[in-house]
Amino acid sequence: MNKEYYMRRALRLAKRGLGRTSPNPAVGAVIVKNGQIVGEGYHKRAGLPHAEVEAIKAAGKETKGADLYVTLEPCNHHGRTPPCTEAILKAGIKRVFIGMRDPNPHVTGGGVEYLRQKGIYIETGILEEECRRLNEVFIKYVTKGTPFVSLKLAATLDGKIALASGEAKWITNEKSRRFAHRLRDIHDAILVGIGTVLKDNPSLTTRLSHKKGKDPVRIILDSKLRIPLEAKVLHLNSLAPTWIVTSTQAPPEKIEALKGLGAEMIIVNLENGRLSLMELLKVLGEKKITSLLVEGGAQVAASFLRQRLVDKVYFFYAPKLFGMPHLPMLGELGIASMAEVITLKDITLRRFEDNILITGYPHYPQ
């Protein structure tokens, strides 16, 4: 087996922790001795042992003289758990193969340098691009201080999200919707505008068929506090809270009524009559929200794209045609020429029976 084989195994392990380790990264580790995997582990949740420690525990006495494959540079600092570098040294591991260096600029004392000083053979950059893609959320959060923003939309082939009457259930099929709930499961928070709440009265919870999903924090953009006090998002049996983003112009009595129902209020400034999304993202970063799933509607999605705040898109398409004048998937982007067009890079396609999912990363013009 080559180095890439074991690192791919470590990556598969790390993916099990997605959505559970925030604000920490998802990390997987594999210990190999004499060409055999003798131990493996992954970071299950923030506050629990890191992947390296889990793998060392699983390997037991077989760690002496073994190789360690880990998707992210081992930590060399005290956080909620002791440094992984010390556990590696104590285990007698001989060589460490690392997918990517730790991108956190606030972490002092690099694990690579420390282990090399102790005589451990170190090799970095094994499947580095795959490792960086796995932890794109963590990289954005620790370098920018704001959450990684994903935009999810579902539309017909001609780009419509609802009939003129507003009817939209269901454009996509059951398998697509199941994957959409998996997206909720791995994001810290989900965001919609008040228009979606008034039209659909959604729960914004995670519903998975074979296991209990993790509900994201529910965030509602509502500058004038039009949300009804009986809205579903205010009356859920959920461990995740509901946050309502509004402005200083919101009526104080409505604010108090919503607080009485358990909602948390976030006050941001208005920019051209709309809530400041950049200010909101900074507030969310301070609240340790590392990933945000924007689910619409069309005007909210356009606002995030127009301000270049979307990091990744998930566009579901169903083989249906609504034609005009039905509701488009995106509002006005203010694009006047081809030079201003937003393009998608690193496109991947996935089929859910007759539905297609396009995943990509927006590339904004200079």
Protein backbone atom coordinates (compact mmCIF):
# COMPACT_ATOMS: atom_id res chain seq x y z
CA MET A 1 0.00 0.00 0.00
CA ASN A 2 1.29 3.52 -0.77
CA LYS A 3 1.08 6.66 1.33
CA GLU A 4 -1.94 7.98 -0.57
CA TYR A 5 -3.90 4.82 0.26
CA TYR A 6 -3.52 5.30 4.01
CA MET A 7 -4.19 9.04 3.79
CA ARG A 8 -7.40 8.36 1.87
CA ARG A 9 -8.43 6.04 4.67
CA ALA A 10 -7.68 8.82 7.16
CA LEU A 11 -9.79 11.22 5.07
CA ARG A 12 -12.74 8.82 5.06
CA LEU A 13 -12.49 8.57 8.83
CA ALA A 14 -12.30 12.35 9.22
CA LYS A 15 -15.53 12.83 7.25
CA ARG A 16 -17.41 11.00 9.99
CA GLY A 17 -16.80 13.98 12.25
CA LEU A 18 -18.11 16.64 9.85
CA GLY A 19 -20.67 18.83 11.56
CA ARG A 20 -19.72 17.54 15.02
CA THR A 21 -16.26 18.97 15.71
CA SER A 22 -16.99 22.70 15.32
CA PRO A 23 -15.18 24.98 15.96
CA ASN A 24 -12.40 22.41 15.63
CA PRO A 25 -11.41 20.75 12.33
CA ALA A 26 -12.45 17.26 11.22
CA VAL A 27 -9.39 15.01 11.45
CA GLY A 28 -8.71 11.34 10.76
CA ALA A 29 -5.68 9.25 11.70
CA VAL A 30 -4.38 5.80 10.74
CA ILE A 31 -1.46 3.90 12.34
CA VAL A 32 0.41 1.43 10.13
CA LYS A 33 3.02 -1.16 11.14
CA ASN A 34 4.66 -3.67 8.82
CA GLY A 35 2.20 -2.79 6.09
CA GLN A 36 -0.85 -3.41 8.26
CA ILE A 37 -3.31 -0.95 9.80
CA VAL A 38 -3.08 -1.51 13.55
CA GLY A 39 -5.13 1.44 14.77
CA GLU A 40 -7.29 4.27 13.50
CA GLY A 41 -9.50 7.02 14.82
CA TYR A 42 -11.14 10.36 14.12
CA HIS A 43 -12.09 13.48 16.05
CA LYS A 44 -15.69 12.82 17.08
CA ARG A 45 -16.63 16.06 18.79
CA ALA A 46 -15.04 19.21 20.20
CA GLY A 47 -13.74 18.45 23.69
CA LEU A 48 -13.23 14.73 23.01
CA PRO A 49 -9.82 13.16 22.23
CA HIS A 50 -8.26 14.10 18.90
CA ALA A 51 -7.89 11.64 16.03
CA GLU A 52 -4.25 10.83 16.82
CA VAL A 53 -5.06 9.92 20.41
CA GLU A 54 -8.00 7.74 19.32
CA ALA A 55 -5.78 5.88 16.84
CA ILE A 56 -3.00 5.41 19.40
CA LYS A 57 -5.47 4.02 21.90
CA ALA A 58 -6.85 1.60 19.29
CA ALA A 59 -3.34 0.43 18.31
CA GLY A 60 -2.23 -0.27 21.87
CA LYS A 61 1.29 -1.71 22.10
CA GLU A 62 1.61 -1.82 18.30
CA THR A 63 2.45 1.91 18.14
CA LYS A 64 6.14 1.43 18.89
CA GLY A 65 8.08 1.91 15.65
CA ALA A 66 4.87 2.43 13.64
CA ASP A 67 3.87 5.08 11.08
CA LEU A 68 1.11 7.61 11.70
CA TYR A 69 -0.98 9.07 8.87
CA VAL A 70 -3.01 12.11 9.89
CA THR A 71 -4.99 14.56 7.74
CA LEU A 72 -3.92 17.66 9.73
CA GLU A 73 -0.72 18.65 11.51
CA PRO A 74 -0.79 17.33 15.10
CA CYS A 75 -1.42 20.02 17.69
CA ASN A 76 1.40 21.13 19.98
CA HIS A 77 -0.62 23.25 22.38
CA HIS A 78 -2.94 22.78 25.32
CA GLY A 79 -6.61 23.36 24.50
CA ARG A 80 -9.49 21.31 25.86
CA THR A 81 -7.20 18.30 25.44
CA PRO A 82 -3.42 17.79 25.88
CA PRO A 83 -1.04 18.19 22.89
CA CYS A 84 -1.17 15.32 20.39
CA THR A 85 2.58 15.67 19.86
CA GLU A 86 3.22 14.41 23.38
CA ALA A 87 0.95 11.41 22.82
CA ILE A 88 2.83 10.60 19.59
CA LEU A 89 6.20 10.71 21.34
CA LYS A 90 4.98 8.62 24.25
CA ALA A 91 3.56 6.02 21.87
CA GLY A 92 6.96 5.51 20.22
CA ILE A 93 5.75 6.31 16.72
CA LYS A 94 8.67 6.49 14.28
CA ARG A 95 7.30 8.39 11.28
CA VAL A 96 4.42 10.83 10.78
CA PHE A 97 2.81 11.55 7.40
CA ILE A 98 0.67 14.68 7.35
CA GLY A 99 -1.93 15.81 4.87
CA MET A 100 -1.78 19.56 5.53
CA ARG A 101 -0.20 22.04 7.93
CA ASP A 102 -2.39 23.71 10.55
CA PRO A 103 -3.77 26.93 8.95
CA ASN A 104 -4.64 28.53 12.30
CA PRO A 105 -2.44 31.65 12.64
CA HIS A 106 -3.20 31.83 16.37
CA VAL A 107 -1.72 28.43 17.20
CA THR A 108 1.75 28.73 18.66
CA GLY A 109 4.39 26.01 18.53
CA GLY A 110 4.04 24.02 15.31
CA GLY A 111 3.63 20.30 15.71
CA VAL A 112 5.86 19.54 12.71
CA GLU A 113 8.85 21.48 14.03
CA TYR A 114 8.47 20.07 17.54
CA LEU A 115 8.32 16.46 16.38
CA ARG A 116 11.30 16.92 14.05
CA GLN A 117 13.32 18.31 16.94
CA LYS A 118 12.50 15.12 18.83
CA GLY A 119 13.85 12.96 16.03
CA ILE A 120 10.57 11.93 14.39
CA TYR A 121 10.59 11.62 10.60
CA ILE A 122 7.97 14.00 9.16
CA GLU A 123 6.52 14.21 5.66
CA THR A 124 3.83 16.75 4.77
CA GLY A 125 1.56 17.42 1.80
CA ILE A 126 0.14 13.91 1.32
CA LEU A 127 -3.12 14.47 -0.62
CA GLU A 128 -2.95 18.06 0.58
CA GLU A 129 -5.67 19.39 -1.76
CA GLU A 130 -8.15 16.75 -0.57
CA CYS A 131 -7.27 17.51 3.05
CA ARG A 132 -7.76 21.24 2.52
CA ARG A 133 -11.10 20.66 0.81
CA LEU A 134 -12.23 18.50 3.72
CA ASN A 135 -11.54 21.34 6.15
CA GLU A 136 -12.51 24.30 3.96
CA VAL A 137 -14.87 25.46 6.71
CA PHE A 138 -12.16 25.40 9.38
CA ILE A 139 -9.64 27.15 7.12
CA LYS A 140 -12.04 30.02 6.35
CA TYR A 141 -13.06 30.42 9.98
CA VAL A 142 -9.57 30.48 11.53
CA THR A 143 -8.10 32.77 8.86
CA LYS A 144 -11.00 35.21 8.38
CA GLY A 145 -12.97 34.96 11.63
CA THR A 146 -16.27 34.55 9.76
CA PRO A 147 -18.25 31.44 8.81
CA PHE A 148 -17.90 29.52 5.56
CA VAL A 149 -21.07 30.34 3.63
CA SER A 150 -22.81 27.69 1.51
CA LEU A 151 -25.79 28.56 -0.68
CA LYS A 152 -28.34 25.82 -1.36
CA LEU A 153 -31.08 26.28 -3.98
CA ALA A 154 -33.49 23.89 -5.67
CA ALA A 155 -35.01 24.78 -9.03
CA THR A 156 -36.57 23.51 -12.23
CA LEU A 157 -34.42 23.16 -15.32
CA ASP A 158 -35.52 26.64 -16.38
CA GLY A 159 -34.39 28.08 -13.05
CA LYS A 160 -37.70 28.53 -11.23
CA ILE A 161 -38.27 27.87 -7.54
CA ALA A 162 -42.06 28.17 -7.37
CA LEU A 163 -45.21 28.67 -9.37
CA ALA A 164 -46.73 32.14 -9.62
CA SER A 165 -49.07 31.11 -6.77
CA GLY A 166 -46.04 30.46 -4.56
CA GLU A 167 -46.50 26.69 -4.58
CA ALA A 168 -43.11 24.96 -4.43
CA LYS A 169 -43.61 21.49 -2.86
CA TRP A 170 -41.95 19.50 -4.14
CA ILE A 171 -39.67 20.54 -6.97
CA THR A 172 -36.94 18.02 -6.17
CA ASN A 173 -37.32 14.33 -5.38
CA GLU A 174 -37.00 12.56 -2.05
CA LYS A 175 -33.33 11.58 -2.48
CA SER A 176 -32.37 15.18 -3.21
CA ARG A 177 -34.26 16.37 -0.16
CA ARG A 178 -32.57 13.73 1.97
CA PHE A 179 -29.15 15.02 0.87
CA ALA A 180 -30.30 18.57 1.62
CA HIS A 181 -31.02 17.48 5.18
CA ARG A 182 -27.54 15.99 5.37
CA LEU A 183 -26.26 19.47 4.47
CA ARG A 184 -28.21 20.88 7.41
CA ASP A 185 -26.70 18.18 9.60
CA ILE A 186 -23.10 19.22 8.85
CA HIS A 187 -23.60 23.00 9.09
CA ASP A 188 -23.57 25.00 12.31
CA ALA A 189 -26.41 27.28 11.23
CA ILE A 190 -29.08 27.67 8.57
CA LEU A 191 -30.40 31.02 7.30
CA VAL A 192 -33.56 32.11 5.48
CA GLY A 193 -35.31 35.42 4.94
CA ILE A 194 -38.61 36.39 6.48
CA GLY A 195 -40.31 35.89 3.10
CA THR A 196 -39.61 32.15 3.31
CA VAL A 197 -41.00 32.01 6.84
CA LEU A 198 -44.18 33.85 5.86
CA LYS A 199 -44.71 31.75 2.72
CA ASP A 200 -43.68 28.26 3.86
CA ASN A 201 -43.65 28.37 7.69
CA PRO A 202 -40.68 25.95 7.74
CA SER A 203 -39.24 24.15 10.77
CA LEU A 204 -35.61 24.38 9.52
CA THR A 205 -34.71 21.20 11.41
CA THR A 206 -32.71 18.18 10.27
CA ARG A 207 -34.63 15.05 9.39
CA LEU A 208 -32.55 12.01 8.45
CA SER A 209 -34.05 8.58 7.81
CA HIS A 210 -31.59 6.25 9.53
CA LYS A 211 -30.13 8.37 12.31
CA LYS A 212 -30.89 11.38 14.40
CA GLY A 213 -29.55 14.49 12.74
CA LYS A 214 -28.10 17.55 14.41
CA ASP A 215 -30.32 20.59 14.09
CA PRO A 216 -28.47 23.72 12.98
CA VAL A 217 -28.99 27.06 14.67
CA ARG A 218 -31.93 28.65 12.85
CA ILE A 219 -31.33 32.23 11.67
CA ILE A 220 -34.13 34.42 10.27
CA LEU A 221 -33.49 37.74 8.51
CA ASP A 222 -36.37 40.01 9.52
CA SER A 223 -35.61 43.74 9.54
CA LYS A 224 -39.16 44.80 10.48
CA LEU A 225 -40.00 41.80 12.70
CA ARG A 226 -42.89 40.57 10.61
CA ILE A 227 -42.48 37.03 11.91
CA PRO A 228 -45.72 35.69 13.43
CA LEU A 229 -45.47 34.70 17.09
CA GLU A 230 -47.00 31.33 16.14
CA ALA A 231 -44.30 30.54 13.49
CA LYS A 232 -42.98 26.97 13.72
CA VAL A 233 -39.37 28.06 14.24
CA LEU A 234 -40.44 29.62 17.56
CA HIS A 235 -42.14 26.48 18.89
CA LEU A 236 -39.81 23.54 18.27
CA ASN A 237 -38.60 20.72 20.47
CA SER A 238 -35.01 21.24 19.39
CA LEU A 239 -31.65 21.60 21.11
CA ALA A 240 -30.69 24.28 18.58
CA PRO A 241 -31.87 27.86 19.20
CA THR A 242 -33.61 30.27 16.86
CA TRP A 243 -31.86 33.60 16.23
CA ILE A 244 -33.73 36.48 14.62
CA VAL A 245 -31.69 39.16 12.89
CA THR A 246 -33.31 42.57 12.86
CA SER A 247 -32.53 46.28 12.93
CA THR A 248 -32.70 49.11 15.44
CA GLN A 249 -35.97 50.11 13.78
CA ALA A 250 -37.72 46.94 14.96
CA PRO A 251 -40.60 47.50 17.42
CA PRO A 252 -39.36 46.98 21.02
CA GLU A 253 -42.57 45.28 22.14
CA LYS A 254 -42.19 42.64 19.38
CA ILE A 255 -38.56 42.10 20.40
CA GLU A 256 -39.63 41.38 23.98
CA ALA A 257 -42.41 39.06 22.83
CA LEU A 258 -39.97 37.05 20.73
CA LYS A 259 -37.48 36.87 23.58
CA GLY A 260 -40.31 35.55 25.74
CA LEU A 261 -40.67 32.67 23.28
CA GLY A 262 -36.98 31.82 23.61
CA ALA A 263 -35.67 33.49 20.46
CA GLU A 264 -32.35 35.32 20.58
CA MET A 265 -32.26 38.70 18.91
CA ILE A 266 -29.31 39.95 16.84
CA ILE A 267 -29.37 43.65 15.99
CA VAL A 268 -27.39 44.81 12.96
CA ASN A 269 -27.31 48.01 10.95
CA LEU A 270 -29.20 48.64 7.73
CA GLU A 271 -27.37 49.21 4.44
CA ASN A 272 -29.54 50.64 1.66
CA GLY A 273 -32.60 49.49 3.56
CA ARG A 274 -31.33 45.91 4.01
CA LEU A 275 -29.74 44.19 6.97
CA SER A 276 -25.93 44.29 6.82
CA LEU A 277 -24.89 40.76 5.93
CA MET A 278 -21.18 41.39 6.50
CA GLU A 279 -21.89 42.70 9.98
CA LEU A 280 -24.02 39.63 10.63
CA LEU A 281 -21.24 37.26 9.52
CA LYS A 282 -18.83 38.96 11.92
CA VAL A 283 -21.31 38.52 14.76
CA LEU A 284 -21.77 34.86 13.85
CA GLY A 285 -18.01 34.35 13.84
CA GLU A 286 -17.82 35.79 17.33
CA LYS A 287 -20.52 33.31 18.33
CA LYS A 288 -18.33 30.47 17.00
CA ILE A 289 -20.57 29.72 14.02
CA THR A 290 -18.05 28.28 11.56
CA SER A 291 -20.42 27.24 8.76
CA LEU A 292 -23.63 28.81 7.48
CA LEU A 293 -26.10 27.22 5.05
CA VAL A 294 -28.16 29.85 3.22
CA GLU A 295 -31.42 28.33 1.94
CA GLY A 296 -33.11 31.38 0.49
CA GLY A 297 -35.29 32.74 -0.82
CA ALA A 298 -34.31 34.27 -4.11
CA GLN A 299 -33.68 37.79 -2.78
CA VAL A 300 -31.60 36.59 0.17
CA ALA A 301 -29.54 34.32 -2.11
CA ALA A 302 -28.95 37.21 -4.52
CA SER A 303 -27.91 39.52 -1.69
CA PHE A 304 -25.24 37.09 -0.49
CA LEU A 305 -23.94 36.57 -4.03
CA ARG A 306 -24.07 40.26 -4.90
CA GLN A 307 -21.90 41.06 -1.87
CA ARG A 308 -19.51 38.20 -2.70
CA LEU A 309 -20.18 36.42 0.57
CA VAL A 310 -20.92 32.93 -0.80
CA ASP A 311 -18.04 30.45 -0.63
CA LYS A 312 -19.77 27.37 -2.09
CA VAL A 313 -23.02 26.57 -3.88
CA TYR A 314 -25.28 23.53 -3.98
CA PHE A 315 -27.75 23.87 -6.86
CA PHE A 316 -30.34 21.11 -7.26
CA TYR A 317 -32.17 20.83 -10.57
CA ALA A 318 -35.29 18.77 -11.29
CA PRO A 319 -36.46 17.87 -14.84
CA LYS A 320 -39.45 20.21 -14.75
CA LEU A 321 -40.33 23.36 -16.67
CA PHE A 322 -42.40 26.20 -15.22
CA GLY A 323 -41.75 28.89 -17.81
CA MET A 324 -42.56 32.54 -17.27
CA PRO A 325 -43.73 34.40 -15.22
CA HIS A 326 -42.95 32.04 -12.34
CA LEU A 327 -40.50 32.77 -9.55
CA PRO A 328 -36.77 32.64 -10.48
CA MET A 329 -34.17 31.02 -8.24
CA LEU A 330 -32.17 34.25 -7.94
CA GLY A 331 -33.05 37.89 -7.54
CA GLU A 332 -31.24 40.81 -9.15
CA LEU A 333 -27.43 40.51 -9.11
CA GLY A 334 -26.75 43.87 -10.72
CA ILE A 335 -24.76 42.37 -13.59
CA ALA A 336 -24.57 44.62 -16.64
CA SER A 337 -21.91 42.91 -18.78
CA MET A 338 -20.26 39.53 -19.32
CA ALA A 339 -17.18 40.86 -17.53
CA GLU A 340 -19.22 41.07 -14.32
CA VAL A 341 -20.65 37.55 -14.48
CA ILE A 342 -20.08 35.24 -11.50
CA THR A 343 -18.71 31.89 -12.67
CA LEU A 344 -18.44 28.60 -10.79
CA LYS A 345 -15.12 26.78 -10.45
CA ASP A 346 -14.25 23.20 -9.46
CA ILE A 347 -17.65 21.95 -10.54
CA THR A 348 -18.86 18.51 -9.51
CA LEU A 349 -22.05 16.79 -10.68
CA ARG A 350 -24.09 14.24 -8.78
CA ARG A 351 -27.33 12.51 -9.70
CA PHE A 352 -30.19 11.67 -7.39
CA GLU A 353 -32.28 9.56 -9.76
CA ASP A 354 -33.64 12.16 -12.23
CA ASN A 355 -32.36 15.16 -10.21
CA ILE A 356 -28.94 16.74 -10.68
CA LEU A 357 -26.84 18.45 -8.01
CA ILE A 358 -24.23 20.97 -9.19
CA THR A 359 -21.65 21.85 -6.56
CA GLY A 360 -19.09 24.58 -7.14
CA TYR A 361 -17.19 27.56 -5.82
CA PRO A 362 -18.12 31.08 -6.98
CA HIS A 363 -15.40 33.00 -8.76
CA TYR A 364 -16.12 36.71 -8.52
CA PRO A 365 -14.80 39.08 -11.21
CA GLN A 366 -12.08 41.54 -10.27
